[in-house]
Protein backbone atom coordinates (compact mmCIF):
# COMPACT_ATOMS: atom_id res chain seq x y z
CA MET A 1 -38.35 -20.57 7.40
CA ASN A 2 -35.61 -22.33 8.97
CA SER A 3 -32.65 -19.89 8.98
CA ARG A 4 -29.55 -19.35 10.73
CA ILE A 5 -32.32 -17.20 13.43
CA SER A 6 -33.94 -19.78 13.85
CA GLN A 7 -31.88 -22.81 14.57
CA ALA A 8 -29.62 -21.25 17.03
CA PHE A 9 -33.27 -20.64 18.88
CA SER A 10 -34.23 -23.75 18.10
CA LYS A 11 -31.12 -25.50 20.08
CA GLY A 12 -30.89 -23.07 22.74
CA ARG A 13 -34.69 -23.73 23.70
CA GLN A 14 -34.02 -27.62 23.11
CA SER A 15 -30.99 -27.51 25.18
CA GLY A 16 -32.81 -25.16 28.15
CA ARG A 17 -30.01 -23.09 27.58
CA PRO A 18 -30.77 -18.83 26.76
CA LEU A 19 -28.12 -17.72 24.02
CA PHE A 20 -26.08 -15.30 24.51
CA VAL A 21 -26.17 -12.58 21.94
CA SER A 22 -23.47 -9.77 21.47
CA TYR A 23 -23.50 -6.52 20.05
CA LEU A 24 -20.07 -4.62 18.88
CA CYS A 25 -19.79 -1.70 16.01
CA ALA A 26 -19.28 -2.89 13.09
CA GLY A 27 -15.70 -1.34 12.37
CA ASP A 28 -15.41 0.35 15.59
CA PRO A 29 -12.09 1.07 15.87
CA THR A 30 -11.04 -0.37 12.43
CA PHE A 31 -12.24 -3.08 9.87
CA ASP A 32 -9.36 -5.91 10.91
CA VAL A 33 -9.91 -5.16 15.30
CA SER A 34 -13.52 -5.18 14.59
CA LEU A 35 -13.31 -8.89 12.38
CA ALA A 36 -10.90 -10.11 14.96
CA ALA A 37 -12.77 -8.42 17.86
CA CYS A 38 -15.92 -10.41 16.00
CA ARG A 39 -14.02 -13.91 15.71
CA ALA A 40 -12.69 -13.06 19.78
CA LEU A 41 -16.28 -13.52 20.57
CA ILE A 42 -17.61 -16.24 18.13
CA ASN A 43 -14.70 -18.31 20.02
CA ALA A 44 -16.14 -17.25 23.37
CA GLY A 45 -18.82 -19.31 22.59
CA ALA A 46 -21.81 -15.83 21.42
CA ASP A 47 -24.37 -17.86 19.84
CA LEU A 48 -25.70 -14.70 17.62
CA LEU A 49 -23.96 -11.72 16.73
CA GLU A 50 -25.80 -8.44 16.55
CA LEU A 51 -23.41 -5.69 14.40
CA GLY A 52 -23.96 -2.35 14.52
CA ALA A 53 -24.16 -0.27 11.10
CA PRO A 54 -22.12 2.88 12.25
CA PHE A 55 -24.61 6.19 11.82
CA SER A 56 -23.81 9.50 12.24
CA ASP A 57 -27.27 9.76 14.31
CA PRO A 58 -27.75 7.30 16.63
CA LEU A 59 -31.23 8.30 18.15
CA ALA A 60 -31.66 4.82 20.41
CA ASP A 61 -27.88 4.22 21.10
CA GLY A 62 -26.08 5.43 24.93
CA LEU A 63 -22.55 7.18 24.51
CA THR A 64 -20.59 4.16 24.18
CA ASN A 65 -21.92 3.36 21.14
CA GLN A 66 -22.27 6.69 19.51
CA LEU A 67 -18.95 7.16 20.09
CA ALA A 68 -18.07 3.24 18.31
CA ALA A 69 -19.88 4.81 15.50
CA GLN A 70 -17.97 7.65 15.83
CA ARG A 71 -14.55 5.88 15.98
CA ALA A 72 -15.38 3.36 12.70
CA LEU A 73 -16.62 5.78 10.65
CA GLU A 74 -13.90 7.98 10.94
CA ASN A 75 -11.45 5.36 10.31
CA GLY A 76 -13.55 4.77 6.83
CA MET A 77 -15.92 2.48 7.81
CA THR A 78 -19.50 2.45 4.97
CA GLN A 79 -21.97 0.21 4.31
CA THR A 80 -20.22 -1.39 1.80
CA ARG A 81 -17.43 -2.37 4.19
CA VAL A 82 -19.70 -3.60 6.50
CA LEU A 83 -21.23 -6.20 4.04
CA GLU A 84 -17.55 -7.10 4.01
CA LEU A 85 -17.21 -7.63 7.50
CA VAL A 86 -19.86 -9.59 7.18
CA ARG A 87 -18.10 -11.37 4.41
CA ALA A 88 -15.45 -11.93 6.33
CA ILE A 89 -16.79 -13.48 9.10
CA ARG A 90 -18.71 -16.57 6.73
CA GLU A 91 -15.35 -17.19 6.04
CA PHE A 92 -14.65 -19.01 9.68
CA SER A 93 -18.09 -19.28 10.93
CA GLU A 94 -21.71 -19.43 10.52
CA VAL A 95 -23.18 -17.79 13.02
CA PRO A 96 -26.25 -15.77 13.14
CA ILE A 97 -25.59 -12.26 12.03
CA VAL A 98 -28.74 -9.42 12.69
CA LEU A 99 -27.33 -6.15 11.55
CA TYR A 100 -28.85 -3.21 14.19
CA THR A 101 -28.97 -0.33 11.86
CA TYR A 102 -31.42 3.21 10.90
CA TYR A 103 -34.29 3.44 8.42
CA ASN A 104 -31.85 6.14 6.47
CA LEU A 105 -28.82 3.08 5.51
CA VAL A 106 -32.15 1.05 4.60
CA PHE A 107 -33.87 3.62 2.58
CA ALA A 108 -31.28 5.55 1.19
CA PRO A 109 -30.27 2.35 -0.99
CA GLY A 110 -33.54 0.92 -1.42
CA GLU A 111 -34.89 -1.17 0.66
CA ALA A 112 -35.31 -4.86 -1.60
CA ASN A 113 -31.42 -3.57 -3.00
CA TYR A 114 -30.20 -3.24 0.41
CA ALA A 115 -31.87 -6.79 1.68
CA ARG A 116 -30.44 -8.21 -1.19
CA GLN A 117 -27.04 -7.25 -1.36
CA ALA A 118 -27.12 -8.37 2.98
CA LYS A 119 -28.49 -11.32 1.88
CA GLU A 120 -25.73 -12.18 -0.55
CA ALA A 121 -22.87 -11.15 2.22
CA GLY A 122 -24.53 -13.71 4.94
CA VAL A 123 -26.72 -11.37 6.90
CA ASP A 124 -29.69 -13.32 8.28
CA GLY A 125 -31.71 -10.21 9.60
CA PHE A 126 -32.24 -6.81 10.95
CA LEU A 127 -33.30 -4.64 13.87
CA VAL A 128 -34.15 -1.44 12.48
CA LEU A 129 -34.17 0.46 15.28
CA ASP A 130 -36.42 3.71 13.72
CA LEU A 131 -38.83 1.80 12.07
CA PRO A 132 -42.05 0.99 14.15
CA PRO A 133 -44.19 -1.83 12.75
CA GLU A 134 -46.80 0.13 11.46
CA GLU A 135 -44.29 2.01 8.81
CA ALA A 136 -42.73 -2.16 8.51
CA ALA A 137 -44.82 -3.59 5.32
CA SER A 138 -43.05 -2.60 2.82
CA TRP A 139 -39.48 -3.92 4.90
CA LYS A 140 -41.37 -6.57 6.20
CA LYS A 141 -42.10 -8.25 3.03
CA VAL A 142 -38.50 -7.08 1.05
CA CYS A 143 -36.99 -9.35 4.02
CA ALA A 144 -39.54 -12.10 3.62
CA ASP A 145 -38.66 -12.44 0.11
CA GLU A 146 -35.28 -12.56 0.59
CA GLU A 147 -35.74 -14.92 3.60
CA LEU A 148 -34.65 -12.52 6.16
CA GLY A 149 -35.60 -11.79 9.95
CA THR A 150 -37.43 -9.13 11.38
CA VAL A 151 -36.43 -8.12 15.01
CA PHE A 152 -38.29 -5.61 16.86
CA ILE A 153 -38.13 -3.38 20.26
CA ILE A 154 -40.88 -3.91 22.90
CA ALA A 155 -40.30 -1.39 25.53
CA PRO A 156 -41.31 -1.66 29.56
CA THR A 157 -43.78 1.02 28.84
CA THR A 158 -45.36 -1.22 25.04
CA PRO A 159 -49.33 -2.29 26.69
CA PRO A 160 -50.39 -5.63 25.69
CA ASP A 161 -52.13 -4.82 21.83
CA ARG A 162 -48.76 -3.18 21.06
CA ILE A 163 -46.48 -6.15 21.95
CA ALA A 164 -49.15 -7.84 19.68
CA LYS A 165 -49.24 -5.75 17.20
CA ILE A 166 -45.28 -5.66 17.08
CA SER A 167 -45.14 -9.34 17.07
CA GLU A 168 -47.62 -10.08 14.18
CA THR A 169 -44.72 -8.09 12.36
CA ALA A 170 -41.35 -10.14 13.46
CA THR A 171 -40.24 -12.65 12.30
CA GLY A 172 -37.21 -13.44 13.57
CA PHE A 173 -37.61 -12.75 17.41
CA LEU A 174 -38.02 -9.96 19.58
CA TYR A 175 -35.94 -7.86 21.64
CA TYR A 176 -37.16 -6.37 25.20
CA VAL A 177 -35.49 -3.65 26.75
CA SER A 178 -35.00 -4.19 30.27
CA ARG A 179 -34.97 -0.62 31.01
CA THR A 180 -36.06 3.14 29.02
CA GLY A 181 -33.28 5.35 27.13
CA VAL A 182 -30.53 4.04 25.42
CA THR A 183 -27.83 2.00 25.70
CA GLY A 184 -25.43 1.73 27.96
CA GLU A 185 -24.36 -0.37 31.01
CA ARG A 186 -26.26 -0.37 34.66
CA ALA A 187 -25.42 -1.92 37.89
CA ASP A 188 -28.41 -3.37 38.15
CA LEU A 189 -31.75 -5.25 36.18
CA SER A 190 -35.56 -3.59 36.55
CA ALA A 191 -36.96 -5.18 39.42
CA ASP A 192 -39.87 -5.91 37.40
CA LEU A 193 -38.37 -7.94 34.25
CA SER A 194 -39.62 -11.30 35.19
CA ASP A 195 -43.56 -9.86 34.97
CA SER A 196 -42.78 -8.01 31.77
CA VAL A 197 -41.07 -11.50 30.19
CA ALA A 198 -44.14 -13.45 31.38
CA GLN A 199 -46.30 -10.69 30.36
CA ILE A 200 -44.66 -10.73 26.14
CA ARG A 201 -44.83 -14.67 26.59
CA SER A 202 -48.56 -14.71 27.49
CA ILE A 203 -49.01 -13.04 24.08
CA THR A 204 -46.43 -14.41 21.77
CA ASP A 205 -44.09 -17.53 21.37
CA LEU A 206 -42.10 -15.62 18.81
CA PRO A 207 -38.30 -15.96 20.80
CA LEU A 208 -37.95 -14.13 23.21
CA VAL A 209 -34.43 -11.83 24.53
CA VAL A 210 -33.61 -8.96 26.70
CA GLY A 211 -30.94 -6.33 26.66
CA PHE A 212 -30.06 -2.67 27.28
CA GLY A 213 -27.79 -1.94 30.41
CA VAL A 214 -26.67 -6.11 31.01
CA SER A 215 -23.27 -5.50 32.34
CA GLN A 216 -22.35 -8.69 34.72
CA ALA A 217 -22.02 -12.12 34.68
CA GLU A 218 -25.12 -11.79 37.64
CA HIS A 219 -27.51 -9.92 34.86
CA VAL A 220 -26.87 -12.86 32.08
CA ALA A 221 -28.11 -15.72 34.53
CA THR A 222 -30.43 -13.72 35.74
CA ILE A 223 -32.36 -12.75 32.47
CA GLY A 224 -31.21 -16.64 31.45
CA GLN A 225 -34.05 -17.71 33.91
CA VAL A 226 -36.65 -16.10 31.85
CA ALA A 227 -35.32 -15.18 28.65
CA ASP A 228 -34.37 -16.64 25.06
CA GLY A 229 -31.14 -14.48 25.02
CA VAL A 230 -29.37 -12.62 26.82
CA VAL A 231 -27.96 -9.20 24.83
CA VAL A 232 -24.79 -7.52 25.95
CA GLY A 233 -22.88 -4.61 24.00
CA SER A 234 -21.86 -1.38 25.71
CA ALA A 235 -20.11 -4.32 27.86
CA LEU A 236 -18.00 -5.33 25.13
CA VAL A 237 -18.01 -2.67 23.41
CA ASN A 238 -15.98 -0.64 26.30
CA CYS A 239 -13.04 -2.53 26.41
CA LEU A 240 -12.35 -1.52 22.90
CA ALA A 241 -13.43 1.77 23.78
CA ALA A 242 -10.47 1.63 26.60
CA ASN A 243 -7.25 0.22 24.61
CA PRO A 244 -7.81 2.60 21.47
CA ASN A 245 -3.92 2.22 20.85
CA GLU A 246 -3.65 -1.49 21.73
CA PRO A 247 -5.69 -3.78 18.79
CA GLU A 248 -3.95 -7.01 20.41
CA LYS A 249 -4.92 -5.61 24.65
CA ALA A 250 -8.61 -4.21 23.35
CA VAL A 251 -9.49 -7.85 21.53
CA ALA A 252 -8.12 -9.98 24.51
CA ALA A 253 -9.75 -7.38 27.23
CA LEU A 254 -13.23 -7.85 25.65
CA ARG A 255 -12.72 -11.75 24.95
CA ALA A 256 -12.06 -11.64 28.64
CA LYS A 257 -15.16 -10.24 29.23
CA ALA A 258 -16.90 -12.35 26.86
CA ASP A 259 -15.65 -15.15 29.06
CA GLU A 260 -17.01 -13.89 32.41
CA LEU A 261 -20.24 -12.91 30.70
CA ILE A 262 -20.64 -16.17 29.02
CA ALA A 263 -20.13 -17.64 32.69
CA GLY A 264 -23.47 -16.77 33.59
CA ILE A 265 -25.72 -19.10 31.73
CA ALA A 266 -22.54 -21.54 31.53
C-alpha cells in the first residue's frame, strides 16, 4: 500500500531523519482555532498529524487530553465535524493524517461506513485505542478495503509473543508508549528505551514511533536516535489550554513549541 503514511516513513528512512508526529484533539478549543493550530504545526514541519476524535470517556488519555476533548465537545465538535476538519486540512496539505479514536465512535456508525467516510475526507489511518488486535479482524479488513493504515500500541509491559501478534495486525506503523499509564508531559524518558526499541525491531520491520511524555527537544533528539518517529501531544495541547481566550496567542505559542521540539531532530 503506497499511502501517504508509507511514503512519509520511506522518505524519513532514506534521509536518516525520524518523523515528527504531532497530536492535537480535533476541535480544541474550537473548529477554527483547531484548523489554525494544525496549519501552524504543518508549517513548522510536522511530518504526520495525529488528530484525536473528542470522546466523552477517553480512557487512554491523561488530564491534558481529557480536558482538550471536553473543550472540543462543549464547543460543538462532532464526528462529522472531525471529518470536516480533515477536509479543510486537505485543502492546503498532503501531510499524512491518522485519527486517534475509540471503538465506540467506530462501532456506532458501523465500521465500513466510518472507514469509507474517513477515507473520502482524506484520512490515512487509524489508531483505535481500546481495540485489541485479537478483536480487530473485521476492522483490519475494512481498513484494508479502503486502503487505510492501522496503528496499534505496544507498551513497556508487552511480551515478545504479543509484540509479534500486534505487528501482524498493524499495517501503518507501531506506536511504542515510552511509559506505562496515560498520556501527559513527563520530565524524563524511560531509562530502558533503547533496549525496548531494539527488542521490538528484532521482531518486526514496521515503522516504529515513540510517544507518551515527550515534552522537550532533548527527548525528541534521544528518541530520534532509535525510532522512526517521535510523537508529541500534551506539550502541544497545553499551549492551547494556556491561552483559552486568546486564539492568536495560543496558536503562536503552539508554533513556538513545535519549532523548539522539531529542532531536536533537525
